[in-house]
Amino acid sequence: MTDIAKRGSGNEDVAIAALGFIAADPELLPRFLDLSGIDASAIRRAAAEPGFLAGVLDFVLAHEPTLLRFCQEAEIAPEHVARARRALGGFDESHY
């Protein structure tokens, strides 16, 4: 069981775990950086910006295979990721 599953994680914890998942994947990271428009060296700084963690979850939720791989690794249900995204706010609810 992963730490995220053990803790019953908060919304930001889910997003931070998703960011770690993306950063550890040599195919996902470049795609995330391209789509977000940030440089790899700026990720830590960007993570403190409002909306960044929501954007991380948007990225994961936008591609079902990525979502399912993340959920398997984090041992959480896809619905938990969607709830965390909604709770972080700033989106059109019709997408999730």
C-alpha atoms as a PDB file:
ATOM      1  CA  MET A   1       0.000   0.000   0.000  1.00  0.00           C
ATOM      2  CA  THR A   2       1.372   3.425  -0.937  1.00  0.00           C
ATOM      3  CA  ASP A   3       1.582   6.386   1.437  1.00  0.00           C
ATOM      4  CA  ILE A   4      -1.182   8.147  -0.458  1.00  0.00           C
ATOM      5  CA  ALA A   5      -3.527   5.186   0.044  1.00  0.00           C
ATOM      6  CA  LYS A   6      -2.562   4.795   3.722  1.00  0.00           C
ATOM      7  CA  ARG A   7      -3.168   8.424   4.624  1.00  0.00           C
ATOM      8  CA  GLY A   8      -6.564   8.802   2.999  1.00  0.00           C
ATOM      9  CA  SER A   9      -4.901  11.704   1.244  1.00  0.00           C
ATOM     10  CA  GLY A  10      -6.045  15.234   0.871  1.00  0.00           C
ATOM     11  CA  ASN A  11      -6.579  16.865  -2.476  1.00  0.00           C
ATOM     12  CA  GLU A  12      -3.151  18.476  -2.619  1.00  0.00           C
ATOM     13  CA  ASP A  13      -1.540  15.175  -1.600  1.00  0.00           C
ATOM     14  CA  VAL A  14      -3.186  13.481  -4.577  1.00  0.00           C
ATOM     15  CA  ALA A  15      -1.924  16.217  -6.911  1.00  0.00           C
ATOM     16  CA  ILE A  16       1.594  16.088  -5.464  1.00  0.00           C
ATOM     17  CA  ALA A  17       1.631  12.306  -5.899  1.00  0.00           C
ATOM     18  CA  ALA A  18       0.476  12.783  -9.495  1.00  0.00           C
ATOM     19  CA  LEU A  19       3.269  15.285 -10.082  1.00  0.00           C
ATOM     20  CA  GLY A  20       5.802  12.772  -8.756  1.00  0.00           C
ATOM     21  CA  PHE A  21       4.304  10.110 -11.016  1.00  0.00           C
ATOM     22  CA  ILE A  22       4.633  12.405 -14.042  1.00  0.00           C
ATOM     23  CA  ALA A  23       8.164  13.475 -13.137  1.00  0.00           C
ATOM     24  CA  ALA A  24       9.294   9.847 -12.829  1.00  0.00           C
ATOM     25  CA  ASP A  25       8.004   8.879 -16.274  1.00  0.00           C
ATOM     26  CA  PRO A  26      10.384   9.662 -19.164  1.00  0.00           C
ATOM     27  CA  GLU A  27       7.487   9.825 -21.645  1.00  0.00           C
ATOM     28  CA  LEU A  28       4.982  11.771 -19.546  1.00  0.00           C
ATOM     29  CA  LEU A  29       7.312  14.461 -18.243  1.00  0.00           C
ATOM     30  CA  PRO A  30       8.219  15.968 -21.641  1.00  0.00           C
ATOM     31  CA  ARG A  31       4.554  15.908 -22.678  1.00  0.00           C
ATOM     32  CA  PHE A  32       3.522  17.614 -19.433  1.00  0.00           C
ATOM     33  CA  LEU A  33       6.230  20.250 -19.827  1.00  0.00           C
ATOM     34  CA  ASP A  34       5.226  20.917 -23.441  1.00  0.00           C
ATOM     35  CA  LEU A  35       1.547  21.249 -22.596  1.00  0.00           C
ATOM     36  CA  SER A  36       2.084  23.336 -19.474  1.00  0.00           C
ATOM     37  CA  GLY A  37       4.683  25.581 -21.072  1.00  0.00           C
ATOM     38  CA  ILE A  38       7.049  25.417 -18.124  1.00  0.00           C
ATOM     39  CA  ASP A  39      10.679  24.389 -18.017  1.00  0.00           C
ATOM     40  CA  ALA A  40      11.746  21.371 -15.950  1.00  0.00           C
ATOM     41  CA  SER A  41      13.888  23.619 -13.761  1.00  0.00           C
ATOM     42  CA  ALA A  42      10.804  25.683 -12.864  1.00  0.00           C
ATOM     43  CA  ILE A  43       8.573  22.856 -11.624  1.00  0.00           C
ATOM     44  CA  ARG A  44       9.267  23.401  -7.916  1.00  0.00           C
ATOM     45  CA  ARG A  45       8.552  27.109  -8.211  1.00  0.00           C
ATOM     46  CA  ALA A  46       5.469  26.504 -10.358  1.00  0.00           C
ATOM     47  CA  ALA A  47       4.098  23.976  -7.848  1.00  0.00           C
ATOM     48  CA  ALA A  48       3.616  26.821  -5.372  1.00  0.00           C
ATOM     49  CA  GLU A  49       1.529  28.828  -7.838  1.00  0.00           C
ATOM     50  CA  PRO A  50      -2.266  28.823  -7.559  1.00  0.00           C
ATOM     51  CA  GLY A  51      -3.785  26.453 -10.059  1.00  0.00           C
ATOM     52  CA  PHE A  52      -0.646  24.446 -10.793  1.00  0.00           C
ATOM     53  CA  LEU A  53      -1.678  21.367  -8.826  1.00  0.00           C
ATOM     54  CA  ALA A  54      -5.121  21.512 -10.419  1.00  0.00           C
ATOM     55  CA  GLY A  55      -3.369  21.568 -13.793  1.00  0.00           C
ATOM     56  CA  VAL A  56      -1.387  18.475 -12.830  1.00  0.00           C
ATOM     57  CA  LEU A  57      -4.632  16.627 -12.148  1.00  0.00           C
ATOM     58  CA  ASP A  58      -6.148  17.984 -15.377  1.00  0.00           C
ATOM     59  CA  PHE A  59      -3.206  16.465 -17.232  1.00  0.00           C
ATOM     60  CA  VAL A  60      -3.672  13.071 -15.573  1.00  0.00           C
ATOM     61  CA  LEU A  61      -7.453  13.077 -15.990  1.00  0.00           C
ATOM     62  CA  ALA A  62      -7.250  14.051 -19.672  1.00  0.00           C
ATOM     63  CA  HIS A  63      -5.684  10.736 -20.718  1.00  0.00           C
ATOM     64  CA  GLU A  64      -7.398   7.598 -19.402  1.00  0.00           C
ATOM     65  CA  PRO A  65      -4.366   5.274 -19.730  1.00  0.00           C
ATOM     66  CA  THR A  66      -2.293   7.772 -17.724  1.00  0.00           C
ATOM     67  CA  LEU A  67      -5.051   8.099 -15.128  1.00  0.00           C
ATOM     68  CA  LEU A  68      -5.351   4.342 -14.736  1.00  0.00           C
ATOM     69  CA  ARG A  69      -1.574   3.849 -14.441  1.00  0.00           C
ATOM     70  CA  PHE A  70      -1.348   6.596 -11.820  1.00  0.00           C
ATOM     71  CA  CYS A  71      -4.262   5.136  -9.860  1.00  0.00           C
ATOM     72  CA  GLN A  72      -2.752   1.665  -9.950  1.00  0.00           C
ATOM     73  CA  GLU A  73       0.599   2.961  -8.707  1.00  0.00           C
ATOM     74  CA  ALA A  74      -0.961   5.203  -6.041  1.00  0.00           C
ATOM     75  CA  GLU A  75      -3.525   2.563  -5.078  1.00  0.00           C
ATOM     76  CA  ILE A  76      -6.442   4.973  -5.317  1.00  0.00           C
ATOM     77  CA  ALA A  77      -9.625   4.966  -7.368  1.00  0.00           C
ATOM     78  CA  PRO A  78      -9.935   7.217 -10.428  1.00  0.00           C
ATOM     79  CA  GLU A  79     -12.950   8.807  -8.742  1.00  0.00           C
ATOM     80  CA  HIS A  80     -10.652   9.963  -5.939  1.00  0.00           C
ATOM     81  CA  VAL A  81      -8.514  11.825  -8.466  1.00  0.00           C
ATOM     82  CA  ALA A  82     -11.591  13.447 -10.019  1.00  0.00           C
ATOM     83  CA  ARG A  83     -12.889  14.486  -6.571  1.00  0.00           C
ATOM     84  CA  ALA A  84      -9.506  15.963  -5.698  1.00  0.00           C
ATOM     85  CA  ARG A  85      -9.527  17.933  -8.951  1.00  0.00           C
ATOM     86  CA  ARG A  86     -13.020  19.302  -8.302  1.00  0.00           C
ATOM     87  CA  ALA A  87     -12.031  20.281  -4.768  1.00  0.00           C
ATOM     88  CA  LEU A  88      -9.033  22.255  -6.034  1.00  0.00           C
ATOM     89  CA  GLY A  89     -11.475  24.438  -7.990  1.00  0.00           C
ATOM     90  CA  GLY A  90     -11.138  26.613 -11.054  1.00  0.00           C
ATOM     91  CA  PHE A  91     -12.552  24.389 -13.760  1.00  0.00           C
ATOM     92  CA  ASP A  92     -15.610  23.671 -15.857  1.00  0.00           C
ATOM     93  CA  GLU A  93     -17.356  20.855 -13.990  1.00  0.00           C
ATOM     94  CA  SER A  94     -18.824  19.416 -17.186  1.00  0.00           C
ATOM     95  CA  HIS A  95     -15.412  17.907 -18.038  1.00  0.00           C
ATOM     96  CA  TYR A  96     -15.227  15.573 -15.020  1.00  0.00           C
END
